[in-house]
């Protein structure tokens, strides 16, 4: 049952990522991979928040925990796309965009996760 929960969560996360990145690129443009940044930042915040909430409510089923964390958020976020986008910039000699992409993703995701963890602890 747990693997089915992860699969359902993964399906929902992948579709959500597709929709969010498409929406961001439509409104902001695609000169930088802002859609990837948005899903990674949002996913970092949500994962840290949710993991703290799970500590407070240990009775939540393992299937639901796995569906949300491994399934949905695992498919919603994308380290691989971030990496390939960065390599693409480097391959085309655009080192400034590559560095900006790295810094934005790493720093903002860490800040977002820290905020999620803090809010998750306050939820208690």
PDB file of N, CA and C in Angstrom:
ATOM      1  N   UNK A   1       0.818  -1.196   0.000  1.00  0.00           N
ATOM      2  CA  UNK A   1       0.000   0.000   0.000  1.00  0.00           C
ATOM      3  C   UNK A   1       0.867   1.267   0.000  1.00  0.00           C
ATOM      4  N   UNK A   2       2.000   1.193   0.684  1.00  0.00           N
ATOM      5  CA  UNK A   2       2.869   2.371   0.769  1.00  0.00           C
ATOM      6  C   UNK A   2       3.409   2.780  -0.598  1.00  0.00           C
ATOM      7  N   UNK A   3       3.768   1.800  -1.417  1.00  0.00           N
ATOM      8  CA  UNK A   3       4.310   2.116  -2.743  1.00  0.00           C
ATOM      9  C   UNK A   3       3.244   2.768  -3.626  1.00  0.00           C
ATOM     10  N   UNK A   4       2.001   2.373  -3.456  1.00  0.00           N
ATOM     11  CA  UNK A   4       0.913   3.000  -4.206  1.00  0.00           C
ATOM     12  C   UNK A   4       0.731   4.443  -3.747  1.00  0.00           C
ATOM     13  N   UNK A   5       0.835   4.665  -2.442  1.00  0.00           N
ATOM     14  CA  UNK A   5       0.736   6.025  -1.903  1.00  0.00           C
ATOM     15  C   UNK A   5       1.829   6.922  -2.468  1.00  0.00           C
ATOM     16  N   UNK A   6       3.048   6.404  -2.529  1.00  0.00           N
ATOM     17  CA  UNK A   6       4.164   7.174  -3.097  1.00  0.00           C
ATOM     18  C   UNK A   6       3.901   7.463  -4.570  1.00  0.00           C
ATOM     19  N   UNK A   7       3.392   6.477  -5.289  1.00  0.00           N
ATOM     20  CA  UNK A   7       3.092   6.663  -6.710  1.00  0.00           C
ATOM     21  C   UNK A   7       2.026   7.720  -6.955  1.00  0.00           C
ATOM     22  N   UNK A   8       0.984   7.696  -6.159  1.00  0.00           N
ATOM     23  CA  UNK A   8      -0.078   8.704  -6.296  1.00  0.00           C
ATOM     24  C   UNK A   8       0.470  10.088  -5.953  1.00  0.00           C
ATOM     25  N   UNK A   9       1.225  10.164  -4.860  1.00  0.00           N
ATOM     26  CA  UNK A   9       1.842  11.441  -4.494  1.00  0.00           C
ATOM     27  C   UNK A   9       2.798  11.925  -5.569  1.00  0.00           C
ATOM     28  N   UNK A  10       3.571  11.009  -6.132  1.00  0.00           N
ATOM     29  CA  UNK A  10       4.515  11.359  -7.189  1.00  0.00           C
ATOM     30  C   UNK A  10       3.817  11.871  -8.433  1.00  0.00           C
ATOM     31  N   UNK A  11       2.727  11.236  -8.795  1.00  0.00           N
ATOM     32  CA  UNK A  11       1.948  11.700  -9.945  1.00  0.00           C
ATOM     33  C   UNK A  11       1.463  13.131  -9.717  1.00  0.00           C
ATOM     34  N   UNK A  12       0.894  13.363  -8.548  1.00  0.00           N
ATOM     35  CA  UNK A  12       0.370  14.703  -8.235  1.00  0.00           C
ATOM     36  C   UNK A  12       1.494  15.739  -8.182  1.00  0.00           C
ATOM     37  N   UNK A  13       2.641  15.358  -7.620  1.00  0.00           N
ATOM     38  CA  UNK A  13       3.775  16.277  -7.548  1.00  0.00           C
ATOM     39  C   UNK A  13       4.342  16.608  -8.910  1.00  0.00           C
ATOM     40  N   UNK A  14       4.454  15.608  -9.775  1.00  0.00           N
ATOM     41  CA  UNK A  14       4.995  15.836 -11.119  1.00  0.00           C
ATOM     42  C   UNK A  14       4.068  16.727 -11.940  1.00  0.00           C
ATOM     43  N   UNK A  15       2.778  16.473 -11.858  1.00  0.00           N
ATOM     44  CA  UNK A  15       1.817  17.309 -12.582  1.00  0.00           C
ATOM     45  C   UNK A  15       1.841  18.731 -12.027  1.00  0.00           C
ATOM     46  N   UNK A  16       1.933  18.858 -10.719  1.00  0.00           N
ATOM     47  CA  UNK A  16       2.008  20.188 -10.103  1.00  0.00           C
ATOM     48  C   UNK A  16       3.258  20.932 -10.550  1.00  0.00           C
ATOM     49  N   UNK A  17       4.388  20.235 -10.606  1.00  0.00           N
ATOM     50  CA  UNK A  17       5.628  20.874 -11.070  1.00  0.00           C
ATOM     51  C   UNK A  17       5.476  21.341 -12.509  1.00  0.00           C
ATOM     52  N   UNK A  18       4.918  20.504 -13.343  1.00  0.00           N
ATOM     53  CA  UNK A  18       4.691  20.864 -14.742  1.00  0.00           C
ATOM     54  C   UNK A  18       3.842  22.130 -14.843  1.00  0.00           C
ATOM     55  N   UNK A  19       2.772  22.186 -14.073  1.00  0.00           N
ATOM     56  CA  UNK A  19       1.873  23.344 -14.124  1.00  0.00           C
ATOM     57  C   UNK A  19       2.533  24.603 -13.563  1.00  0.00           C
ATOM     58  N   UNK A  20       3.202  24.472 -12.429  1.00  0.00           N
ATOM     59  CA  UNK A  20       3.838  25.639 -11.798  1.00  0.00           C
ATOM     60  C   UNK A  20       4.957  26.189 -12.670  1.00  0.00           C
ATOM     61  N   UNK A  21       5.842  25.324 -13.162  1.00  0.00           N
ATOM     62  CA  UNK A  21       6.949  25.829 -13.987  1.00  0.00           C
ATOM     63  C   UNK A  21       6.427  26.453 -15.274  1.00  0.00           C
ATOM     64  N   UNK A  22       5.405  25.869 -15.862  1.00  0.00           N
ATOM     65  CA  UNK A  22       4.810  26.453 -17.061  1.00  0.00           C
ATOM     66  C   UNK A  22       4.202  27.819 -16.783  1.00  0.00           C
ATOM     67  N   UNK A  23       3.512  27.936 -15.667  1.00  0.00           N
ATOM     68  CA  UNK A  23       2.891  29.200 -15.279  1.00  0.00           C
ATOM     69  C   UNK A  23       3.951  30.267 -15.036  1.00  0.00           C
ATOM     70  N   UNK A  24       5.008  29.911 -14.305  1.00  0.00           N
ATOM     71  CA  UNK A  24       6.083  30.868 -14.017  1.00  0.00           C
ATOM     72  C   UNK A  24       6.760  31.310 -15.311  1.00  0.00           C
ATOM     73  N   UNK A  25       7.087  30.377 -16.174  1.00  0.00           N
ATOM     74  CA  UNK A  25       7.737  30.737 -17.442  1.00  0.00           C
ATOM     75  C   UNK A  25       6.833  31.605 -18.313  1.00  0.00           C
ATOM     76  N   UNK A  26       5.541  31.374 -18.242  1.00  0.00           N
ATOM     77  CA  UNK A  26       4.594  32.181 -19.021  1.00  0.00           C
ATOM     78  C   UNK A  26       4.611  33.638 -18.558  1.00  0.00           C
ATOM     79  N   UNK A  27       4.663  33.850 -17.254  1.00  0.00           N
ATOM     80  CA  UNK A  27       4.581  35.206 -16.719  1.00  0.00           C
ATOM     81  C   UNK A  27       5.927  35.891 -16.559  1.00  0.00           C
ATOM     82  N   UNK A  28       6.989  35.130 -16.334  1.00  0.00           N
ATOM     83  CA  UNK A  28       8.305  35.729 -16.079  1.00  0.00           C
ATOM     84  C   UNK A  28       9.224  35.601 -17.283  1.00  0.00           C
ATOM     85  N   UNK A  29       8.978  34.616 -18.109  1.00  0.00           N
ATOM     86  CA  UNK A  29       9.865  34.351 -19.233  1.00  0.00           C
ATOM     87  C   UNK A  29      10.777  33.182 -18.913  1.00  0.00           C
ATOM     88  N   UNK A  30      11.543  32.771 -19.902  1.00  0.00           N
ATOM     89  CA  UNK A  30      12.364  31.575 -19.710  1.00  0.00           C
ATOM     90  C   UNK A  30      13.856  31.853 -19.879  1.00  0.00           C
ATOM     91  N   UNK A  31      14.270  33.113 -19.710  1.00  0.00           N
ATOM     92  CA  UNK A  31      15.693  33.433 -19.806  1.00  0.00           C
ATOM     93  C   UNK A  31      16.502  32.801 -18.687  1.00  0.00           C
ATOM     94  N   UNK A  32      15.874  32.660 -17.549  1.00  0.00           N
ATOM     95  CA  UNK A  32      16.448  31.951 -16.399  1.00  0.00           C
ATOM     96  C   UNK A  32      15.417  30.909 -15.983  1.00  0.00           C
ATOM     97  N   UNK A  33      15.854  29.807 -15.402  1.00  0.00           N
ATOM     98  CA  UNK A  33      14.907  28.759 -15.006  1.00  0.00           C
ATOM     99  C   UNK A  33      14.186  29.086 -13.689  1.00  0.00           C
ATOM    100  N   UNK A  34      13.415  30.169 -13.721  1.00  0.00           N
ATOM    101  CA  UNK A  34      12.706  30.590 -12.511  1.00  0.00           C
ATOM    102  C   UNK A  34      11.649  29.586 -12.082  1.00  0.00           C
ATOM    103  N   UNK A  35      11.056  28.873 -13.022  1.00  0.00           N
ATOM    104  CA  UNK A  35      10.072  27.861 -12.660  1.00  0.00           C
ATOM    105  C   UNK A  35      10.688  26.776 -11.791  1.00  0.00           C
ATOM    106  N   UNK A  36      11.882  26.350 -12.162  1.00  0.00           N
ATOM    107  CA  UNK A  36      12.603  25.357 -11.363  1.00  0.00           C
ATOM    108  C   UNK A  36      12.931  25.920  -9.991  1.00  0.00           C
ATOM    109  N   UNK A  37      13.348  27.172  -9.953  1.00  0.00           N
ATOM    110  CA  UNK A  37      13.650  27.819  -8.674  1.00  0.00           C
ATOM    111  C   UNK A  37      12.408  27.857  -7.786  1.00  0.00           C
ATOM    112  N   UNK A  38      11.279  28.220  -8.345  1.00  0.00           N
ATOM    113  CA  UNK A  38      10.044  28.318  -7.565  1.00  0.00           C
ATOM    114  C   UNK A  38       9.652  26.966  -6.971  1.00  0.00           C
ATOM    115  N   UNK A  39       9.693  25.897  -7.766  1.00  0.00           N
ATOM    116  CA  UNK A  39       9.302  24.593  -7.221  1.00  0.00           C
ATOM    117  C   UNK A  39      10.315  24.099  -6.194  1.00  0.00           C
ATOM    118  N   UNK A  40      11.591  24.365  -6.406  1.00  0.00           N
ATOM    119  CA  UNK A  40      12.594  23.927  -5.436  1.00  0.00           C
ATOM    120  C   UNK A  40      12.486  24.696  -4.122  1.00  0.00           C
ATOM    121  N   UNK A  41      12.257  25.994  -4.208  1.00  0.00           N
ATOM    122  CA  UNK A  41      12.102  26.798  -2.989  1.00  0.00           C
ATOM    123  C   UNK A  41      10.828  26.391  -2.251  1.00  0.00           C
ATOM    124  N   UNK A  42       9.732  26.290  -2.982  1.00  0.00           N
ATOM    125  CA  UNK A  42       8.473  25.881  -2.360  1.00  0.00           C
ATOM    126  C   UNK A  42       8.559  24.495  -1.749  1.00  0.00           C
ATOM    127  N   UNK A  43       9.177  23.576  -2.466  1.00  0.00           N
ATOM    128  CA  UNK A  43       9.330  22.217  -1.958  1.00  0.00           C
ATOM    129  C   UNK A  43      10.233  22.144  -0.743  1.00  0.00           C
ATOM    130  N   UNK A  44      11.291  22.939  -0.725  1.00  0.00           N
ATOM    131  CA  UNK A  44      12.199  22.969   0.433  1.00  0.00           C
ATOM    132  C   UNK A  44      11.468  23.475   1.670  1.00  0.00           C
ATOM    133  N   UNK A  45      10.707  24.546   1.489  1.00  0.00           N
ATOM    134  CA  UNK A  45       9.918  25.092   2.597  1.00  0.00           C
ATOM    135  C   UNK A  45       8.918  24.056   3.103  1.00  0.00           C
ATOM    136  N   UNK A  46       8.148  23.491   2.177  1.00  0.00           N
ATOM    137  CA  UNK A  46       7.097  22.547   2.562  1.00  0.00           C
ATOM    138  C   UNK A  46       7.647  21.291   3.224  1.00  0.00           C
ATOM    139  N   UNK A  47       8.738  20.748   2.693  1.00  0.00           N
ATOM    140  CA  UNK A  47       9.293  19.534   3.288  1.00  0.00           C
ATOM    141  C   UNK A  47       9.752  19.786   4.717  1.00  0.00           C
ATOM    142  N   UNK A  48      10.477  20.873   4.936  1.00  0.00           N
ATOM    143  CA  UNK A  48      10.955  21.179   6.291  1.00  0.00           C
ATOM    144  C   UNK A  48       9.781  21.417   7.237  1.00  0.00           C
ATOM    145  N   UNK A  49       8.781  22.143   6.771  1.00  0.00           N
ATOM    146  CA  UNK A  49       7.596  22.414   7.588  1.00  0.00           C
ATOM    147  C   UNK A  49       6.865  21.119   7.934  1.00  0.00           C
ATOM    148  N   UNK A  50       6.598  20.326   6.919  1.00  0.00           N
ATOM    149  CA  UNK A  50       5.818  19.102   7.105  1.00  0.00           C
ATOM    150  C   UNK A  50       6.544  18.099   7.994  1.00  0.00           C
ATOM    151  N   UNK A  51       7.847  17.977   7.832  1.00  0.00           N
ATOM    152  CA  UNK A  51       8.588  17.044   8.691  1.00  0.00           C
ATOM    153  C   UNK A  51       8.498  17.452  10.156  1.00  0.00           C
ATOM    154  N   UNK A  52       8.502  18.742  10.429  1.00  0.00           N
ATOM    155  CA  UNK A  52       8.336  19.208  11.809  1.00  0.00           C
ATOM    156  C   UNK A  52       6.925  18.915  12.315  1.00  0.00           C
ATOM    157  N   UNK A  53       5.940  19.097  11.479  1.00  0.00           N
ATOM    158  CA  UNK A  53       4.556  18.804  11.865  1.00  0.00           C
ATOM    159  C   UNK A  53       4.392  17.309  12.144  1.00  0.00           C
ATOM    160  N   UNK A  54       5.041  16.470  11.344  1.00  0.00           N
ATOM    161  CA  UNK A  54       4.963  15.028  11.568  1.00  0.00           C
ATOM    162  C   UNK A  54       5.534  14.642  12.930  1.00  0.00           C
ATOM    163  N   UNK A  55       6.525  15.376  13.404  1.00  0.00           N
ATOM    164  CA  UNK A  55       7.083  15.113  14.739  1.00  0.00           C
ATOM    165  C   UNK A  55       6.024  15.390  15.801  1.00  0.00           C
ATOM    166  N   UNK A  56       5.252  16.454  15.591  1.00  0.00           N
ATOM    167  CA  UNK A  56       4.210  16.837  16.543  1.00  0.00           C
ATOM    168  C   UNK A  56       3.044  15.856  16.537  1.00  0.00           C
ATOM    169  N   UNK A  57       2.746  15.307  15.374  1.00  0.00           N
ATOM    170  CA  UNK A  57       1.618  14.395  15.222  1.00  0.00           C
ATOM    171  C   UNK A  57       2.117  13.025  14.760  1.00  0.00           C
ATOM    172  N   UNK A  58       2.675  12.239  15.684  1.00  0.00           N
ATOM    173  CA  UNK A  58       3.271  10.955  15.290  1.00  0.00           C
ATOM    174  C   UNK A  58       2.253   9.915  14.826  1.00  0.00           C
ATOM    175  N   UNK A  59       0.980  10.167  15.018  1.00  0.00           N
ATOM    176  CA  UNK A  59      -0.040   9.203  14.630  1.00  0.00           C
ATOM    177  C   UNK A  59      -0.395   9.220  13.154  1.00  0.00           C
ATOM    178  N   UNK A  60       0.197  10.133  12.401  1.00  0.00           N
ATOM    179  CA  UNK A  60      -0.088  10.200  10.964  1.00  0.00           C
ATOM    180  C   UNK A  60       0.447   8.933  10.304  1.00  0.00           C
ATOM    181  N   UNK A  61      -0.337   8.352   9.435  1.00  0.00           N
ATOM    182  CA  UNK A  61       0.023   7.061   8.844  1.00  0.00           C
ATOM    183  C   UNK A  61       1.300   7.150   8.008  1.00  0.00           C
ATOM    184  N   UNK A  62       2.093   6.077   8.027  1.00  0.00           N
ATOM    185  CA  UNK A  62       3.307   6.040   7.205  1.00  0.00           C
ATOM    186  C   UNK A  62       3.002   6.204   5.716  1.00  0.00           C
ATOM    187  N   UNK A  63       1.837   5.708   5.283  1.00  0.00           N
ATOM    188  CA  UNK A  63       1.466   5.840   3.877  1.00  0.00           C
ATOM    189  C   UNK A  63       1.276   7.310   3.498  1.00  0.00           C
ATOM    190  N   UNK A  64       0.605   8.062   4.349  1.00  0.00           N
ATOM    191  CA  UNK A  64       0.381   9.477   4.072  1.00  0.00           C
ATOM    192  C   UNK A  64       1.692  10.253   4.125  1.00  0.00           C
ATOM    193  N   UNK A  65       2.514   9.949   5.124  1.00  0.00           N
ATOM    194  CA  UNK A  65       3.823  10.610   5.220  1.00  0.00           C
ATOM    195  C   UNK A  65       4.643  10.373   3.952  1.00  0.00           C
ATOM    196  N   UNK A  66       4.680   9.133   3.507  1.00  0.00           N
ATOM    197  CA  UNK A  66       5.451   8.789   2.306  1.00  0.00           C
ATOM    198  C   UNK A  66       4.852   9.416   1.053  1.00  0.00           C
ATOM    199  N   UNK A  67       3.532   9.435   0.967  1.00  0.00           N
ATOM    200  CA  UNK A  67       2.872  10.029  -0.198  1.00  0.00           C
ATOM    201  C   UNK A  67       3.221  11.508  -0.320  1.00  0.00           C
ATOM    202  N   UNK A  68       3.258  12.204   0.808  1.00  0.00           N
ATOM    203  CA  UNK A  68       3.530  13.644   0.790  1.00  0.00           C
ATOM    204  C   UNK A  68       5.014  13.931   0.586  1.00  0.00           C
ATOM    205  N   UNK A  69       5.866  13.293   1.382  1.00  0.00           N
ATOM    206  CA  UNK A  69       7.295  13.647   1.355  1.00  0.00           C
ATOM    207  C   UNK A  69       8.035  13.025   0.177  1.00  0.00           C
ATOM    208  N   UNK A  70       7.995  11.722   0.072  1.00  0.00           N
ATOM    209  CA  UNK A  70       8.727  11.039  -1.000  1.00  0.00           C
ATOM    210  C   UNK A  70       8.006  11.212  -2.335  1.00  0.00           C
ATOM    211  N   UNK A  71       6.693  11.002  -2.318  1.00  0.00           N
ATOM    212  CA  UNK A  71       5.921  11.066  -3.550  1.00  0.00           C
ATOM    213  C   UNK A  71       5.742  12.474  -4.074  1.00  0.00           C
ATOM    214  N   UNK A  72       4.887  13.251  -3.406  1.00  0.00           N
ATOM    215  CA  UNK A  72       4.548  14.576  -3.920  1.00  0.00           C
ATOM    216  C   UNK A  72       5.756  15.507  -3.967  1.00  0.00           C
ATOM    217  N   UNK A  73       6.398  15.713  -2.830  1.00  0.00           N
ATOM    218  CA  UNK A  73       7.495  16.688  -2.801  1.00  0.00           C
ATOM    219  C   UNK A  73       8.729  16.193  -3.546  1.00  0.00           C
ATOM    220  N   UNK A  74       8.941  14.887  -3.567  1.00  0.00           N
ATOM    221  CA  UNK A  74      10.049  14.338  -4.345  1.00  0.00           C
ATOM    222  C   UNK A  74       9.876  14.572  -5.834  1.00  0.00           C
ATOM    223  N   UNK A  75       8.643  14.486  -6.309  1.00  0.00           N
ATOM    224  CA  UNK A  75       8.373  14.723  -7.730  1.00  0.00           C
ATOM    225  C   UNK A  75       8.183  16.203  -8.039  1.00  0.00           C
ATOM    226  N   UNK A  76       7.750  16.970  -7.057  1.00  0.00           N
ATOM    227  CA  UNK A  76       7.522  18.406  -7.259  1.00  0.00           C
ATOM    228  C   UNK A  76       8.842  19.157  -7.405  1.00  0.00           C
ATOM    229  N   UNK A  77       9.816  18.807  -6.585  1.00  0.00           N
ATOM    230  CA  UNK A  77      11.125  19.465  -6.661  1.00  0.00           C
ATOM    231  C   UNK A  77      11.999  18.750  -7.684  1.00  0.00           C
ATOM    232  N   UNK A  78      13.068  19.436  -8.127  1.00  0.00           N
ATOM    233  CA  UNK A  78      13.888  18.826  -9.166  1.00  0.00           C
ATOM    234  C   UNK A  78      15.325  19.310  -9.123  1.00  0.00           C
ATOM    235  N   UNK A  79      16.150  18.558  -8.441  1.00  0.00           N
ATOM    236  CA  UNK A  79      17.578  18.866  -8.413  1.00  0.00           C
ATOM    237  C   UNK A  79      18.204  18.594  -9.776  1.00  0.00           C
ATOM    238  N   UNK A  80      17.724  17.575 -10.452  1.00  0.00           N
ATOM    239  CA  UNK A  80      18.314  17.212 -11.746  1.00  0.00           C
ATOM    240  C   UNK A  80      18.101  18.304 -12.792  1.00  0.00           C
ATOM    241  N   UNK A  81      16.924  18.902 -12.833  1.00  0.00           N
ATOM    242  CA  UNK A  81      16.686  19.979 -13.797  1.00  0.00           C
ATOM    243  C   UNK A  81      17.538  21.191 -13.463  1.00  0.00           C
ATOM    244  N   UNK A  82      17.650  21.518 -12.193  1.00  0.00           N
ATOM    245  CA  UNK A  82      18.526  22.604 -11.754  1.00  0.00           C
ATOM    246  C   UNK A  82      19.956  22.354 -12.231  1.00  0.00           C
ATOM    247  N   UNK A  83      20.431  21.136 -12.082  1.00  0.00           N
ATOM    248  CA  UNK A  83      21.794  20.789 -12.482  1.00  0.00           C
ATOM    249  C   UNK A  83      21.983  20.900 -13.990  1.00  0.00           C
ATOM    250  N   UNK A  84      21.062  20.349 -14.753  1.00  0.00           N
ATOM    251  CA  UNK A  84      21.171  20.391 -16.213  1.00  0.00           C
ATOM    252  C   UNK A  84      21.052  21.825 -16.724  1.00  0.00           C
ATOM    253  N   UNK A  85      20.154  22.609 -16.140  1.00  0.00           N
ATOM    254  CA  UNK A  85      20.044  24.021 -16.531  1.00  0.00           C
ATOM    255  C   UNK A  85      21.369  24.748 -16.301  1.00  0.00           C
ATOM    256  N   UNK A  86      21.990  24.489 -15.166  1.00  0.00           N
ATOM    257  CA  UNK A  86      23.269  25.129 -14.840  1.00  0.00           C
ATOM    258  C   UNK A  86      24.351  24.695 -15.819  1.00  0.00           C
ATOM    259  N   UNK A  87      24.423  23.404 -16.109  1.00  0.00           N
ATOM    260  CA  UNK A  87      25.404  22.913 -17.081  1.00  0.00           C
ATOM    261  C   UNK A  87      25.159  23.492 -18.469  1.00  0.00           C
ATOM    262  N   UNK A  88      23.902  23.664 -18.828  1.00  0.00           N
ATOM    263  CA  UNK A  88      23.552  24.260 -20.118  1.00  0.00           C
ATOM    264  C   UNK A  88      24.106  25.688 -20.214  1.00  0.00           C
ATOM    265  N   UNK A  89      23.947  26.460 -19.155  1.00  0.00           N
ATOM    266  CA  UNK A  89      24.507  27.817 -19.145  1.00  0.00           C
ATOM    267  C   UNK A  89      26.024  27.776 -19.322  1.00  0.00           C
ATOM    268  N   UNK A  90      26.680  26.874 -18.608  1.00  0.00           N
ATOM    269  CA  UNK A  90      28.140  26.772 -18.675  1.00  0.00           C
ATOM    270  C   UNK A  90      28.592  26.332 -20.066  1.00  0.00           C
ATOM    271  N   UNK A  91      27.891  25.380 -20.629  1.00  0.00           N
ATOM    272  CA  UNK A  91      28.231  24.869 -21.952  1.00  0.00           C
ATOM    273  C   UNK A  91      28.176  25.967 -23.014  1.00  0.00           C
ATOM    274  N   UNK A  92      27.288  26.921 -22.808  1.00  0.00           N
ATOM    275  CA  UNK A  92      27.133  28.026 -23.751  1.00  0.00           C
ATOM    276  C   UNK A  92      27.909  29.274 -23.318  1.00  0.00           C
ATOM    277  N   UNK A  93      28.824  29.102 -22.364  1.00  0.00           N
ATOM    278  CA  UNK A  93      29.695  30.190 -21.948  1.00  0.00           C
ATOM    279  C   UNK A  93      29.036  31.248 -21.086  1.00  0.00           C
ATOM    280  N   UNK A  94      27.834  30.972 -20.601  1.00  0.00           N
ATOM    281  CA  UNK A  94      27.146  31.954 -19.771  1.00  0.00           C
ATOM    282  C   UNK A  94      27.362  31.617 -18.295  1.00  0.00           C
ATOM    283  N   UNK A  95      28.580  31.865 -17.849  1.00  0.00           N
ATOM    284  CA  UNK A  95      28.971  31.518 -16.487  1.00  0.00           C
ATOM    285  C   UNK A  95      28.271  32.384 -15.450  1.00  0.00           C
ATOM    286  N   UNK A  96      27.944  33.604 -15.814  1.00  0.00           N
ATOM    287  CA  UNK A  96      27.234  34.470 -14.874  1.00  0.00           C
ATOM    288  C   UNK A  96      25.871  33.879 -14.537  1.00  0.00           C
ATOM    289  N   UNK A  97      25.125  33.465 -15.557  1.00  0.00           N
ATOM    290  CA  UNK A  97      23.817  32.848 -15.305  1.00  0.00           C
ATOM    291  C   UNK A  97      23.970  31.547 -14.521  1.00  0.00           C
ATOM    292  N   UNK A  98      25.011  30.787 -14.820  1.00  0.00           N
ATOM    293  CA  UNK A  98      25.236  29.531 -14.096  1.00  0.00           C
ATOM    294  C   UNK A  98      25.463  29.802 -12.613  1.00  0.00           C
ATOM    295  N   UNK A  99      26.310  30.775 -12.318  1.00  0.00           N
ATOM    296  CA  UNK A  99      26.605  31.100 -10.916  1.00  0.00           C
ATOM    297  C   UNK A  99      25.367  31.659 -10.222  1.00  0.00           C
ATOM    298  N   UNK A 100      24.647  32.538 -10.900  1.00  0.00           N
ATOM    299  CA  UNK A 100      23.416  33.092 -10.325  1.00  0.00           C
ATOM    300  C   UNK A 100      22.421  31.972 -10.044  1.00  0.00           C
ATOM    301  N   UNK A 101      22.283  31.033 -10.965  1.00  0.00           N
ATOM    302  CA  UNK A 101      21.362  29.914 -10.777  1.00  0.00           C
ATOM    303  C   UNK A 101      21.762  29.070  -9.568  1.00  0.00           C
ATOM    304  N   UNK A 102      23.043  28.796  -9.436  1.00  0.00           N
ATOM    305  CA  UNK A 102      23.526  28.010  -8.295  1.00  0.00           C
ATOM    306  C   UNK A 102      23.254  28.743  -6.989  1.00  0.00           C
ATOM    307  N   UNK A 103      23.652  30.003  -6.938  1.00  0.00           N
ATOM    308  CA  UNK A 103      23.494  30.774  -5.701  1.00  0.00           C
ATOM    309  C   UNK A 103      22.016  30.912  -5.332  1.00  0.00           C
ATOM    310  N   UNK A 104      21.187  31.269  -6.305  1.00  0.00           N
ATOM    311  CA  UNK A 104      19.759  31.427  -6.009  1.00  0.00           C
ATOM    312  C   UNK A 104      19.152  30.135  -5.479  1.00  0.00           C
ATOM    313  N   UNK A 105      19.413  29.021  -6.160  1.00  0.00           N
ATOM    314  CA  UNK A 105      18.816  27.757  -5.731  1.00  0.00           C
ATOM    315  C   UNK A 105      19.313  27.323  -4.366  1.00  0.00           C
ATOM    316  N   UNK A 106      20.606  27.361  -4.153  1.00  0.00           N
ATOM    317  CA  UNK A 106      21.143  26.862  -2.885  1.00  0.00           C
ATOM    318  C   UNK A 106      20.761  27.780  -1.728  1.00  0.00           C
ATOM    319  N   UNK A 107      21.019  29.062  -1.872  1.00  0.00           N
ATOM    320  CA  UNK A 107      20.787  29.988  -0.761  1.00  0.00           C
ATOM    321  C   UNK A 107      19.299  30.123  -0.448  1.00  0.00           C
ATOM    322  N   UNK A 108      18.489  30.370  -1.472  1.00  0.00           N
ATOM    323  CA  UNK A 108      17.060  30.579  -1.203  1.00  0.00           C
ATOM    324  C   UNK A 108      16.399  29.297  -0.706  1.00  0.00           C
ATOM    325  N   UNK A 109      16.810  28.144  -1.218  1.00  0.00           N
ATOM    326  CA  UNK A 109      16.242  26.881  -0.726  1.00  0.00           C
ATOM    327  C   UNK A 109      16.621  26.637   0.731  1.00  0.00           C
ATOM    328  N   UNK A 110      17.848  26.952   1.095  1.00  0.00           N
ATOM    329  CA  UNK A 110      18.248  26.805   2.501  1.00  0.00           C
ATOM    330  C   UNK A 110      17.454  27.744   3.402  1.00  0.00           C
ATOM    331  N   UNK A 111      17.290  28.977   2.973  1.00  0.00           N
ATOM    332  CA  UNK A 111      16.502  29.935   3.752  1.00  0.00           C
ATOM    333  C   UNK A 111      15.054  29.458   3.860  1.00  0.00           C
ATOM    334  N   UNK A 112      14.491  29.005   2.758  1.00  0.00           N
ATOM    335  CA  UNK A 112      13.106  28.523   2.761  1.00  0.00           C
ATOM    336  C   UNK A 112      12.944  27.319   3.685  1.00  0.00           C
ATOM    337  N   UNK A 113      13.894  26.391   3.644  1.00  0.00           N
ATOM    338  CA  UNK A 113      13.827  25.223   4.525  1.00  0.00           C
ATOM    339  C   UNK A 113      13.943  25.650   5.988  1.00  0.00           C
ATOM    340  N   UNK A 114      14.819  26.600   6.256  1.00  0.00           N
ATOM    341  CA  UNK A 114      14.944  27.114   7.624  1.00  0.00           C
ATOM    342  C   UNK A 114      13.650  27.750   8.103  1.00  0.00           C
ATOM    343  N   UNK A 115      13.016  28.512   7.228  1.00  0.00           N
ATOM    344  CA  UNK A 115      11.733  29.127   7.576  1.00  0.00           C
ATOM    345  C   UNK A 115      10.661  28.064   7.793  1.00  0.00           C
ATOM    346  N   UNK A 116      10.638  27.060   6.932  1.00  0.00           N
ATOM    347  CA  UNK A 116       9.670  25.982   7.086  1.00  0.00           C
ATOM    348  C   UNK A 116       9.860  25.230   8.390  1.00  0.00           C
ATOM    349  N   UNK A 117      11.114  24.962   8.731  1.00  0.00           N
ATOM    350  CA  UNK A 117      11.409  24.262   9.978  1.00  0.00           C
ATOM    351  C   UNK A 117      10.976  25.102  11.179  1.00  0.00           C
ATOM    352  N   UNK A 118      11.284  26.390  11.132  1.00  0.00           N
ATOM    353  CA  UNK A 118      10.913  27.285  12.228  1.00  0.00           C
ATOM    354  C   UNK A 118       9.396  27.354  12.388  1.00  0.00           C
ATOM    355  N   UNK A 119       8.688  27.520  11.287  1.00  0.00           N
ATOM    356  CA  UNK A 119       7.225  27.574  11.362  1.00  0.00           C
ATOM    357  C   UNK A 119       6.630  26.236  11.782  1.00  0.00           C
ATOM    358  N   UNK A 120       7.244  25.148  11.333  1.00  0.00           N
ATOM    359  CA  UNK A 120       6.776  23.829  11.739  1.00  0.00           C
ATOM    360  C   UNK A 120       6.930  23.601  13.234  1.00  0.00           C
ATOM    361  N   UNK A 121       8.035  24.076  13.797  1.00  0.00           N
ATOM    362  CA  UNK A 121       8.235  23.969  15.248  1.00  0.00           C
ATOM    363  C   UNK A 121       7.241  24.841  15.998  1.00  0.00           C
ATOM    364  N   UNK A 122       6.939  26.019  15.455  1.00  0.00           N
ATOM    365  CA  UNK A 122       5.981  26.927  16.086  1.00  0.00           C
ATOM    366  C   UNK A 122       4.566  26.361  16.032  1.00  0.00           C
ATOM    367  N   UNK A 123       4.306  25.497  15.068  1.00  0.00           N
ATOM    368  CA  UNK A 123       2.991  24.873  14.896  1.00  0.00           C
ATOM    369  C   UNK A 123       2.619  24.056  16.129  1.00  0.00           C
ATOM    370  N   UNK A 124       3.623  23.576  16.829  1.00  0.00           N
ATOM    371  CA  UNK A 124       3.403  22.745  18.016  1.00  0.00           C
ATOM    372  C   UNK A 124       2.735  23.581  19.044  1.00  0.00           C
TER     373      UNK A 124
END
